[in-house]
Amino acid sequence: MKYWDFRESGKPRYDYLAYTDGSYLLPKNFGAAACIVLDGEAGTIIYKWSEVSRYSTSNRQELAAIIHALLHVPEGSSVLVRSDSENGIAQLTGQVRSRKDLDLVQLFRQVKKERSLQVRLEWIRSHSGDAWNDYVDNLCIEALDLFEADGTLVREGVDPDALFAYICRTETF
């Protein structure tokens, strides 16, 4: 079993930090999800990802980004996930119960349990000047711009089975 380490400040130290973001453009009916994973000690990026999806929602994009980040840290890790999605965090922590996006909420719980992850979800205000939150927001924007410019291959919606299979196929740990 892994225990939290506490620094002098009393705040928990995490093996990894993840920043996630999702967006959706309703008129064009596509959106993007993005995440970065940082080493908890050095604070350097060890993984980054962004992807465009059609026929989804902003909340599904946010949840997909969180799950994607969790699948790119080693098993048994402690992870602090920072997201600007209040609704997504509320769903994942059980503060809000809804059938909407239940498949992704269940996938989050499955990933957390099967990979023995200690996960803390933290809301961060969007566009508040946090450099890493702005970074993942820009990854979403770049993915959307790239898709508009050349029609890069896009996934149809956010399917939890496809998300899990794709991520496990490309996992580096």
N, C-alpha and C. Protein backbone atom coordinates (compact mmCIF):
# COMPACT_ATOMS: atom_id res chain seq x y z
N MET A 1 0.84 -1.18 0.00
CA MET A 1 0.00 0.00 0.00
C MET A 1 0.88 1.24 0.00
N LYS A 2 0.46 2.24 -0.74
CA LYS A 2 1.22 3.47 -0.85
C LYS A 2 0.59 4.54 0.02
N TYR A 3 1.40 5.27 0.75
CA TYR A 3 0.89 6.32 1.63
C TYR A 3 1.28 7.69 1.08
N TRP A 4 0.48 8.69 1.43
CA TRP A 4 0.79 10.05 1.01
C TRP A 4 2.02 10.54 1.75
N ASP A 5 2.86 11.29 1.06
CA ASP A 5 3.99 11.96 1.68
C ASP A 5 3.57 13.39 1.96
N PHE A 6 3.97 13.92 3.07
CA PHE A 6 3.61 15.30 3.38
C PHE A 6 4.86 16.15 3.45
N ARG A 7 4.82 17.29 2.76
CA ARG A 7 5.92 18.25 2.80
C ARG A 7 5.76 19.10 4.05
N GLU A 8 6.70 19.97 4.28
CA GLU A 8 6.64 20.84 5.45
C GLU A 8 5.38 21.70 5.47
N SER A 9 4.88 22.05 4.29
CA SER A 9 3.70 22.90 4.21
C SER A 9 2.43 22.16 4.64
N GLY A 10 2.51 20.84 4.73
CA GLY A 10 1.35 20.05 5.11
C GLY A 10 0.52 19.62 3.93
N LYS A 11 0.87 20.06 2.72
CA LYS A 11 0.13 19.66 1.53
C LYS A 11 0.65 18.31 1.05
N PRO A 12 -0.24 17.47 0.53
CA PRO A 12 0.21 16.17 0.04
C PRO A 12 1.09 16.31 -1.20
N ARG A 13 2.04 15.43 -1.31
CA ARG A 13 2.90 15.36 -2.49
C ARG A 13 2.39 14.21 -3.34
N TYR A 14 2.29 14.43 -4.61
CA TYR A 14 1.76 13.42 -5.51
C TYR A 14 2.87 12.94 -6.44
N ASP A 15 2.77 11.67 -6.85
CA ASP A 15 3.73 11.14 -7.81
C ASP A 15 3.60 11.88 -9.14
N TYR A 16 2.35 12.20 -9.50
CA TYR A 16 2.08 12.84 -10.78
C TYR A 16 1.01 13.91 -10.63
N LEU A 17 1.12 14.93 -11.47
CA LEU A 17 0.09 15.95 -11.59
C LEU A 17 -0.45 15.86 -13.01
N ALA A 18 -1.75 16.00 -13.16
CA ALA A 18 -2.34 15.99 -14.50
C ALA A 18 -3.25 17.20 -14.64
N TYR A 19 -3.17 17.82 -15.78
CA TYR A 19 -4.06 18.92 -16.13
C TYR A 19 -4.87 18.46 -17.33
N THR A 20 -6.18 18.70 -17.28
CA THR A 20 -7.05 18.23 -18.35
C THR A 20 -7.98 19.35 -18.81
N ASP A 21 -8.43 19.22 -20.04
CA ASP A 21 -9.40 20.19 -20.56
C ASP A 21 -10.19 19.54 -21.68
N GLY A 22 -11.37 20.05 -21.89
CA GLY A 22 -12.21 19.61 -22.99
C GLY A 22 -13.01 20.79 -23.50
N SER A 23 -13.35 20.73 -24.76
CA SER A 23 -14.15 21.80 -25.34
C SER A 23 -15.04 21.22 -26.41
N TYR A 24 -16.05 21.97 -26.79
CA TYR A 24 -16.95 21.51 -27.83
C TYR A 24 -17.52 22.70 -28.56
N LEU A 25 -17.56 22.61 -29.88
CA LEU A 25 -18.11 23.67 -30.72
C LEU A 25 -19.43 23.18 -31.29
N LEU A 26 -20.52 23.59 -30.69
CA LEU A 26 -21.85 23.12 -31.08
C LEU A 26 -22.19 23.39 -32.54
N PRO A 27 -21.94 24.59 -33.06
CA PRO A 27 -22.33 24.82 -34.45
C PRO A 27 -21.63 23.88 -35.44
N LYS A 28 -20.39 23.51 -35.12
CA LYS A 28 -19.63 22.64 -36.01
C LYS A 28 -19.73 21.18 -35.60
N ASN A 29 -20.29 20.92 -34.42
CA ASN A 29 -20.54 19.58 -33.92
C ASN A 29 -19.27 18.74 -33.74
N PHE A 30 -18.20 19.36 -33.28
CA PHE A 30 -17.02 18.61 -32.88
C PHE A 30 -16.31 19.34 -31.75
N GLY A 31 -15.52 18.59 -31.03
CA GLY A 31 -14.82 19.17 -29.89
C GLY A 31 -13.47 18.51 -29.70
N ALA A 32 -12.79 18.90 -28.66
CA ALA A 32 -11.45 18.37 -28.40
C ALA A 32 -11.28 18.09 -26.92
N ALA A 33 -10.41 17.16 -26.64
CA ALA A 33 -10.00 16.84 -25.27
C ALA A 33 -8.48 16.85 -25.25
N ALA A 34 -7.91 17.26 -24.12
CA ALA A 34 -6.46 17.31 -24.00
C ALA A 34 -6.04 17.07 -22.55
N CYS A 35 -4.85 16.53 -22.38
CA CYS A 35 -4.29 16.36 -21.04
C CYS A 35 -2.77 16.41 -21.11
N ILE A 36 -2.19 16.76 -19.99
CA ILE A 36 -0.76 16.62 -19.80
C ILE A 36 -0.55 15.93 -18.46
N VAL A 37 0.51 15.17 -18.37
CA VAL A 37 0.90 14.51 -17.12
C VAL A 37 2.29 15.01 -16.78
N LEU A 38 2.42 15.50 -15.55
CA LEU A 38 3.69 16.05 -15.08
C LEU A 38 4.27 15.15 -13.99
N ASP A 39 5.58 15.03 -13.98
CA ASP A 39 6.26 14.34 -12.90
C ASP A 39 6.05 15.17 -11.64
N GLY A 40 5.64 14.52 -10.56
CA GLY A 40 5.34 15.23 -9.32
C GLY A 40 6.53 15.88 -8.66
N GLU A 41 7.71 15.32 -8.86
CA GLU A 41 8.92 15.88 -8.25
C GLU A 41 9.51 17.00 -9.09
N ALA A 42 9.76 16.69 -10.35
CA ALA A 42 10.45 17.64 -11.22
C ALA A 42 9.51 18.67 -11.84
N GLY A 43 8.24 18.33 -11.97
CA GLY A 43 7.29 19.24 -12.59
C GLY A 43 7.42 19.33 -14.10
N THR A 44 8.08 18.35 -14.70
CA THR A 44 8.26 18.34 -16.15
C THR A 44 7.19 17.48 -16.81
N ILE A 45 6.86 17.83 -18.04
CA ILE A 45 5.85 17.07 -18.78
C ILE A 45 6.43 15.73 -19.19
N ILE A 46 5.71 14.66 -18.83
CA ILE A 46 6.13 13.33 -19.27
C ILE A 46 5.19 12.75 -20.33
N TYR A 47 4.01 13.37 -20.48
CA TYR A 47 3.06 12.91 -21.49
C TYR A 47 2.11 14.04 -21.83
N LYS A 48 1.79 14.18 -23.11
CA LYS A 48 0.75 15.12 -23.52
C LYS A 48 -0.05 14.51 -24.65
N TRP A 49 -1.33 14.89 -24.71
CA TRP A 49 -2.26 14.30 -25.68
C TRP A 49 -3.39 15.27 -25.97
N SER A 50 -3.86 15.24 -27.20
CA SER A 50 -5.09 15.95 -27.56
C SER A 50 -5.73 15.19 -28.72
N GLU A 51 -7.04 15.30 -28.80
CA GLU A 51 -7.78 14.57 -29.83
C GLU A 51 -9.09 15.28 -30.11
N VAL A 52 -9.55 15.18 -31.32
CA VAL A 52 -10.82 15.77 -31.74
C VAL A 52 -11.86 14.66 -31.85
N SER A 53 -13.08 14.96 -31.42
CA SER A 53 -14.20 14.02 -31.53
C SER A 53 -15.41 14.74 -32.11
N ARG A 54 -16.21 13.99 -32.85
CA ARG A 54 -17.49 14.49 -33.35
C ARG A 54 -18.61 13.94 -32.48
N TYR A 55 -19.74 14.62 -32.51
CA TYR A 55 -20.97 14.11 -31.90
C TYR A 55 -20.78 13.76 -30.42
N SER A 56 -20.28 14.69 -29.69
CA SER A 56 -20.02 14.50 -28.27
C SER A 56 -20.59 15.69 -27.53
N THR A 57 -20.12 15.91 -26.31
CA THR A 57 -20.47 17.10 -25.55
C THR A 57 -19.21 17.61 -24.87
N SER A 58 -19.26 18.82 -24.38
CA SER A 58 -18.11 19.38 -23.67
C SER A 58 -17.78 18.54 -22.44
N ASN A 59 -18.81 18.11 -21.71
CA ASN A 59 -18.57 17.33 -20.50
C ASN A 59 -17.94 15.98 -20.82
N ARG A 60 -18.38 15.32 -21.90
CA ARG A 60 -17.77 14.04 -22.28
C ARG A 60 -16.30 14.24 -22.65
N GLN A 61 -16.00 15.35 -23.29
CA GLN A 61 -14.62 15.65 -23.65
C GLN A 61 -13.78 15.83 -22.38
N GLU A 62 -14.32 16.55 -21.39
CA GLU A 62 -13.62 16.75 -20.12
C GLU A 62 -13.36 15.42 -19.42
N LEU A 63 -14.38 14.57 -19.34
CA LEU A 63 -14.24 13.27 -18.68
C LEU A 63 -13.24 12.38 -19.41
N ALA A 64 -13.29 12.40 -20.74
CA ALA A 64 -12.35 11.60 -21.53
C ALA A 64 -10.91 12.03 -21.26
N ALA A 65 -10.68 13.32 -21.13
CA ALA A 65 -9.33 13.82 -20.86
C ALA A 65 -8.83 13.35 -19.49
N ILE A 66 -9.70 13.37 -18.49
CA ILE A 66 -9.32 12.91 -17.15
C ILE A 66 -8.97 11.43 -17.17
N ILE A 67 -9.81 10.63 -17.81
CA ILE A 67 -9.55 9.18 -17.90
C ILE A 67 -8.26 8.93 -18.65
N HIS A 68 -8.07 9.64 -19.74
CA HIS A 68 -6.85 9.47 -20.53
C HIS A 68 -5.61 9.73 -19.69
N ALA A 69 -5.64 10.78 -18.90
CA ALA A 69 -4.50 11.10 -18.04
C ALA A 69 -4.22 9.97 -17.06
N LEU A 70 -5.28 9.42 -16.46
CA LEU A 70 -5.10 8.35 -15.47
C LEU A 70 -4.52 7.08 -16.09
N LEU A 71 -4.79 6.86 -17.36
CA LEU A 71 -4.27 5.68 -18.02
C LEU A 71 -2.82 5.87 -18.48
N HIS A 72 -2.26 7.03 -18.22
CA HIS A 72 -0.88 7.28 -18.61
C HIS A 72 0.03 7.58 -17.42
N VAL A 73 -0.32 7.05 -16.28
CA VAL A 73 0.57 7.05 -15.12
C VAL A 73 0.75 5.60 -14.70
N PRO A 74 1.85 5.27 -14.09
CA PRO A 74 2.08 3.89 -13.66
C PRO A 74 1.06 3.44 -12.62
N GLU A 75 0.78 2.17 -12.61
CA GLU A 75 -0.13 1.60 -11.61
C GLU A 75 0.41 1.88 -10.21
N GLY A 76 -0.51 2.08 -9.27
CA GLY A 76 -0.13 2.32 -7.88
C GLY A 76 0.32 3.74 -7.59
N SER A 77 0.18 4.64 -8.54
CA SER A 77 0.63 6.02 -8.37
C SER A 77 -0.40 6.86 -7.62
N SER A 78 0.07 7.96 -7.08
CA SER A 78 -0.83 8.99 -6.55
C SER A 78 -0.85 10.11 -7.58
N VAL A 79 -2.05 10.61 -7.88
CA VAL A 79 -2.22 11.57 -8.95
C VAL A 79 -3.13 12.71 -8.50
N LEU A 80 -2.71 13.92 -8.72
CA LEU A 80 -3.56 15.08 -8.53
C LEU A 80 -3.99 15.53 -9.92
N VAL A 81 -5.30 15.48 -10.18
CA VAL A 81 -5.84 15.89 -11.47
C VAL A 81 -6.50 17.25 -11.30
N ARG A 82 -6.05 18.20 -12.08
CA ARG A 82 -6.64 19.54 -12.05
C ARG A 82 -7.41 19.77 -13.34
N SER A 83 -8.67 20.13 -13.17
CA SER A 83 -9.57 20.33 -14.30
C SER A 83 -10.39 21.59 -14.06
N ASP A 84 -10.77 22.24 -15.15
CA ASP A 84 -11.64 23.41 -15.02
C ASP A 84 -13.11 23.05 -15.21
N SER A 85 -13.43 21.77 -15.14
CA SER A 85 -14.80 21.30 -15.29
C SER A 85 -15.41 20.99 -13.92
N GLU A 86 -16.17 21.93 -13.39
CA GLU A 86 -16.84 21.70 -12.10
C GLU A 86 -17.81 20.54 -12.22
N ASN A 87 -18.56 20.49 -13.31
CA ASN A 87 -19.55 19.43 -13.49
C ASN A 87 -18.89 18.06 -13.60
N GLY A 88 -17.81 17.98 -14.35
CA GLY A 88 -17.10 16.71 -14.50
C GLY A 88 -16.57 16.19 -13.17
N ILE A 89 -15.98 17.07 -12.39
CA ILE A 89 -15.46 16.68 -11.08
C ILE A 89 -16.60 16.27 -10.16
N ALA A 90 -17.70 17.02 -10.20
CA ALA A 90 -18.85 16.69 -9.36
C ALA A 90 -19.41 15.31 -9.72
N GLN A 91 -19.43 14.98 -10.99
CA GLN A 91 -19.91 13.66 -11.41
C GLN A 91 -18.96 12.57 -10.93
N LEU A 92 -17.67 12.77 -11.12
CA LEU A 92 -16.69 11.74 -10.76
C LEU A 92 -16.57 11.52 -9.26
N THR A 93 -16.86 12.55 -8.47
CA THR A 93 -16.77 12.41 -7.01
C THR A 93 -18.11 12.02 -6.39
N GLY A 94 -19.15 11.89 -7.21
CA GLY A 94 -20.46 11.48 -6.71
C GLY A 94 -21.28 12.62 -6.13
N GLN A 95 -20.83 13.86 -6.27
CA GLN A 95 -21.59 14.99 -5.76
C GLN A 95 -22.84 15.25 -6.61
N VAL A 96 -22.76 14.87 -7.88
CA VAL A 96 -23.89 14.99 -8.81
C VAL A 96 -24.12 13.61 -9.40
N ARG A 97 -25.34 13.17 -9.35
CA ARG A 97 -25.68 11.87 -9.94
C ARG A 97 -26.56 12.10 -11.15
N SER A 98 -26.14 11.52 -12.24
CA SER A 98 -26.86 11.69 -13.49
C SER A 98 -26.61 10.47 -14.36
N ARG A 99 -27.59 10.10 -15.13
CA ARG A 99 -27.38 9.01 -16.08
C ARG A 99 -26.55 9.46 -17.26
N LYS A 100 -26.56 10.76 -17.48
CA LYS A 100 -25.79 11.32 -18.57
C LYS A 100 -24.30 11.07 -18.29
N ASP A 101 -23.62 10.53 -19.24
CA ASP A 101 -22.18 10.25 -19.15
C ASP A 101 -21.83 9.21 -18.09
N LEU A 102 -22.80 8.42 -17.67
CA LEU A 102 -22.56 7.39 -16.65
C LEU A 102 -21.52 6.38 -17.12
N ASP A 103 -21.47 6.11 -18.42
CA ASP A 103 -20.49 5.16 -18.93
C ASP A 103 -19.06 5.64 -18.66
N LEU A 104 -18.82 6.94 -18.81
CA LEU A 104 -17.47 7.46 -18.55
C LEU A 104 -17.18 7.56 -17.06
N VAL A 105 -18.19 7.83 -16.26
CA VAL A 105 -18.01 7.85 -14.81
C VAL A 105 -17.63 6.45 -14.34
N GLN A 106 -18.31 5.44 -14.85
CA GLN A 106 -17.99 4.06 -14.49
C GLN A 106 -16.60 3.66 -14.97
N LEU A 107 -16.21 4.11 -16.16
CA LEU A 107 -14.87 3.83 -16.66
C LEU A 107 -13.82 4.48 -15.76
N PHE A 108 -14.06 5.71 -15.32
CA PHE A 108 -13.15 6.39 -14.39
C PHE A 108 -12.95 5.54 -13.13
N ARG A 109 -14.05 5.08 -12.55
CA ARG A 109 -13.96 4.27 -11.33
C ARG A 109 -13.23 2.95 -11.59
N GLN A 110 -13.48 2.35 -12.74
CA GLN A 110 -12.83 1.09 -13.09
C GLN A 110 -11.32 1.28 -13.23
N VAL A 111 -10.93 2.31 -13.95
CA VAL A 111 -9.51 2.59 -14.16
C VAL A 111 -8.82 2.86 -12.82
N LYS A 112 -9.45 3.67 -12.00
CA LYS A 112 -8.89 4.01 -10.69
C LYS A 112 -8.69 2.75 -9.84
N LYS A 113 -9.68 1.88 -9.84
CA LYS A 113 -9.60 0.66 -9.03
C LYS A 113 -8.61 -0.35 -9.60
N GLU A 114 -8.73 -0.65 -10.90
CA GLU A 114 -7.88 -1.67 -11.51
C GLU A 114 -6.41 -1.28 -11.51
N ARG A 115 -6.13 0.00 -11.59
CA ARG A 115 -4.74 0.46 -11.62
C ARG A 115 -4.23 0.87 -10.24
N SER A 116 -5.07 0.69 -9.21
CA SER A 116 -4.70 1.02 -7.83
C SER A 116 -4.16 2.44 -7.70
N LEU A 117 -4.90 3.38 -8.25
CA LEU A 117 -4.48 4.78 -8.24
C LEU A 117 -5.11 5.52 -7.08
N GLN A 118 -4.34 6.38 -6.46
CA GLN A 118 -4.85 7.32 -5.48
C GLN A 118 -5.04 8.63 -6.23
N VAL A 119 -6.30 9.01 -6.43
CA VAL A 119 -6.61 10.16 -7.28
C VAL A 119 -7.29 11.24 -6.46
N ARG A 120 -6.81 12.44 -6.61
CA ARG A 120 -7.48 13.59 -6.05
C ARG A 120 -7.86 14.50 -7.21
N LEU A 121 -9.13 14.85 -7.29
CA LEU A 121 -9.62 15.75 -8.33
C LEU A 121 -9.73 17.15 -7.75
N GLU A 122 -9.20 18.13 -8.46
CA GLU A 122 -9.21 19.50 -7.97
C GLU A 122 -9.68 20.42 -9.09
N TRP A 123 -10.67 21.26 -8.75
CA TRP A 123 -11.16 22.23 -9.73
C TRP A 123 -10.24 23.44 -9.75
N ILE A 124 -10.02 23.91 -10.97
CA ILE A 124 -9.22 25.13 -11.15
C ILE A 124 -9.99 26.04 -12.10
N ARG A 125 -10.04 27.29 -11.78
CA ARG A 125 -10.78 28.25 -12.62
C ARG A 125 -10.12 28.35 -13.99
N SER A 126 -10.93 28.26 -15.04
CA SER A 126 -10.38 28.37 -16.39
C SER A 126 -9.97 29.81 -16.68
N HIS A 127 -8.95 29.93 -17.51
CA HIS A 127 -8.45 31.24 -17.95
C HIS A 127 -8.10 32.16 -16.76
N SER A 128 -7.55 31.56 -15.71
CA SER A 128 -7.22 32.34 -14.51
C SER A 128 -5.73 32.65 -14.42
N GLY A 129 -4.98 32.27 -15.45
CA GLY A 129 -3.56 32.55 -15.43
C GLY A 129 -2.71 31.38 -14.99
N ASP A 130 -3.33 30.24 -14.65
CA ASP A 130 -2.55 29.05 -14.31
C ASP A 130 -1.90 28.55 -15.61
N ALA A 131 -0.59 28.51 -15.64
CA ALA A 131 0.15 28.21 -16.87
C ALA A 131 -0.21 26.84 -17.45
N TRP A 132 -0.31 25.81 -16.60
CA TRP A 132 -0.59 24.47 -17.13
C TRP A 132 -2.03 24.33 -17.60
N ASN A 133 -2.97 24.99 -16.92
CA ASN A 133 -4.36 24.97 -17.38
C ASN A 133 -4.47 25.69 -18.73
N ASP A 134 -3.79 26.79 -18.87
CA ASP A 134 -3.78 27.49 -20.15
C ASP A 134 -3.13 26.64 -21.24
N TYR A 135 -2.12 25.86 -20.86
CA TYR A 135 -1.42 25.00 -21.81
C TYR A 135 -2.36 23.94 -22.38
N VAL A 136 -3.12 23.25 -21.52
CA VAL A 136 -4.03 22.22 -22.04
C VAL A 136 -5.19 22.85 -22.81
N ASP A 137 -5.61 24.05 -22.40
CA ASP A 137 -6.64 24.76 -23.16
C ASP A 137 -6.12 25.03 -24.57
N ASN A 138 -4.87 25.45 -24.69
CA ASN A 138 -4.26 25.69 -26.00
C ASN A 138 -4.11 24.41 -26.81
N LEU A 139 -3.85 23.28 -26.14
CA LEU A 139 -3.79 22.00 -26.85
C LEU A 139 -5.14 21.69 -27.51
N CYS A 140 -6.22 21.97 -26.80
CA CYS A 140 -7.57 21.78 -27.37
C CYS A 140 -7.77 22.68 -28.58
N ILE A 141 -7.41 23.93 -28.43
CA ILE A 141 -7.58 24.89 -29.52
C ILE A 141 -6.76 24.48 -30.74
N GLU A 142 -5.51 24.07 -30.51
CA GLU A 142 -4.66 23.62 -31.62
C GLU A 142 -5.24 22.40 -32.32
N ALA A 143 -5.79 21.45 -31.54
CA ALA A 143 -6.39 20.26 -32.14
C ALA A 143 -7.60 20.64 -33.00
N LEU A 144 -8.41 21.56 -32.50
CA LEU A 144 -9.57 22.01 -33.27
C LEU A 144 -9.13 22.75 -34.53
N ASP A 145 -8.12 23.60 -34.42
CA ASP A 145 -7.61 24.33 -35.58
C ASP A 145 -7.03 23.37 -36.62
N LEU A 146 -6.28 22.38 -36.16
CA LEU A 146 -5.69 21.39 -37.06
C LEU A 146 -6.78 20.62 -37.79
N PHE A 147 -7.82 20.25 -37.06
CA PHE A 147 -8.93 19.52 -37.68
C PHE A 147 -9.61 20.38 -38.74
N GLU A 148 -9.85 21.64 -38.43
CA GLU A 148 -10.50 22.53 -39.39
C GLU A 148 -9.63 22.75 -40.61
N ALA A 149 -8.32 22.82 -40.41
CA ALA A 149 -7.41 23.12 -41.51
C ALA A 149 -7.25 21.96 -42.48
N ASP A 150 -7.09 20.75 -41.98
CA ASP A 150 -6.82 19.64 -42.90
C ASP A 150 -7.69 18.40 -42.69
N GLY A 151 -8.70 18.50 -41.84
CA GLY A 151 -9.61 17.35 -41.68
C GLY A 151 -8.94 16.13 -41.11
N THR A 152 -8.00 16.32 -40.20
CA THR A 152 -7.31 15.22 -39.55
C THR A 152 -8.30 14.17 -39.06
N LEU A 153 -7.88 12.92 -39.07
CA LEU A 153 -8.74 11.83 -38.62
C LEU A 153 -9.35 12.16 -37.27
N VAL A 154 -10.64 11.94 -37.15
CA VAL A 154 -11.36 12.30 -35.94
C VAL A 154 -12.15 11.10 -35.45
N ARG A 155 -12.22 10.94 -34.16
CA ARG A 155 -13.01 9.87 -33.57
C ARG A 155 -14.47 10.29 -33.56
N GLU A 156 -15.36 9.34 -33.77
CA GLU A 156 -16.80 9.62 -33.76
C GLU A 156 -17.31 9.48 -32.33
N GLY A 157 -17.51 10.59 -31.64
CA GLY A 157 -18.00 10.56 -30.27
C GLY A 157 -16.94 10.05 -29.30
N VAL A 158 -17.31 9.99 -28.05
CA VAL A 158 -16.41 9.46 -27.03
C VAL A 158 -17.02 8.15 -26.55
N ASP A 159 -16.51 7.06 -27.08
CA ASP A 159 -16.98 5.73 -26.72
C ASP A 159 -16.02 5.18 -25.66
N PRO A 160 -16.52 4.85 -24.47
CA PRO A 160 -15.61 4.42 -23.40
C PRO A 160 -14.82 3.16 -23.74
N ASP A 161 -15.42 2.22 -24.44
CA ASP A 161 -14.69 1.00 -24.80
C ASP A 161 -13.56 1.30 -25.77
N ALA A 162 -13.86 2.13 -26.76
CA ALA A 162 -12.83 2.51 -27.73
C ALA A 162 -11.74 3.34 -27.05
N LEU A 163 -12.12 4.23 -26.15
CA LEU A 163 -11.16 5.05 -25.42
C LEU A 163 -10.21 4.17 -24.63
N PHE A 164 -10.76 3.23 -23.89
CA PHE A 164 -9.95 2.33 -23.07
C PHE A 164 -9.03 1.48 -23.95
N ALA A 165 -9.56 0.90 -25.04
CA ALA A 165 -8.77 0.05 -25.92
C ALA A 165 -7.64 0.84 -26.59
N TYR A 166 -7.95 2.04 -27.06
CA TYR A 166 -6.96 2.87 -27.73
C TYR A 166 -5.84 3.25 -26.77
N ILE A 167 -6.20 3.67 -25.59
CA ILE A 167 -5.21 4.13 -24.62
C ILE A 167 -4.33 2.98 -24.18
N CYS A 168 -4.93 1.82 -23.91
CA CYS A 168 -4.14 0.68 -23.45
C CYS A 168 -3.17 0.22 -24.54
N ARG A 169 -3.56 0.40 -25.79
CA ARG A 169 -2.70 0.01 -26.90
C ARG A 169 -1.47 0.91 -26.98
N THR A 170 -1.61 2.18 -26.60
CA THR A 170 -0.51 3.13 -26.74
C THR A 170 0.19 3.43 -25.42
N GLU A 171 -0.20 2.76 -24.37
CA GLU A 171 0.37 3.07 -23.05
C GLU A 171 1.88 2.85 -23.04
N THR A 172 2.59 3.77 -22.40
CA THR A 172 4.05 3.71 -22.38
C THR A 172 4.60 3.14 -21.08
N PHE A 173 3.77 2.96 -20.06
CA PHE A 173 4.29 2.47 -18.78
C PHE A 173 4.11 0.98 -18.67
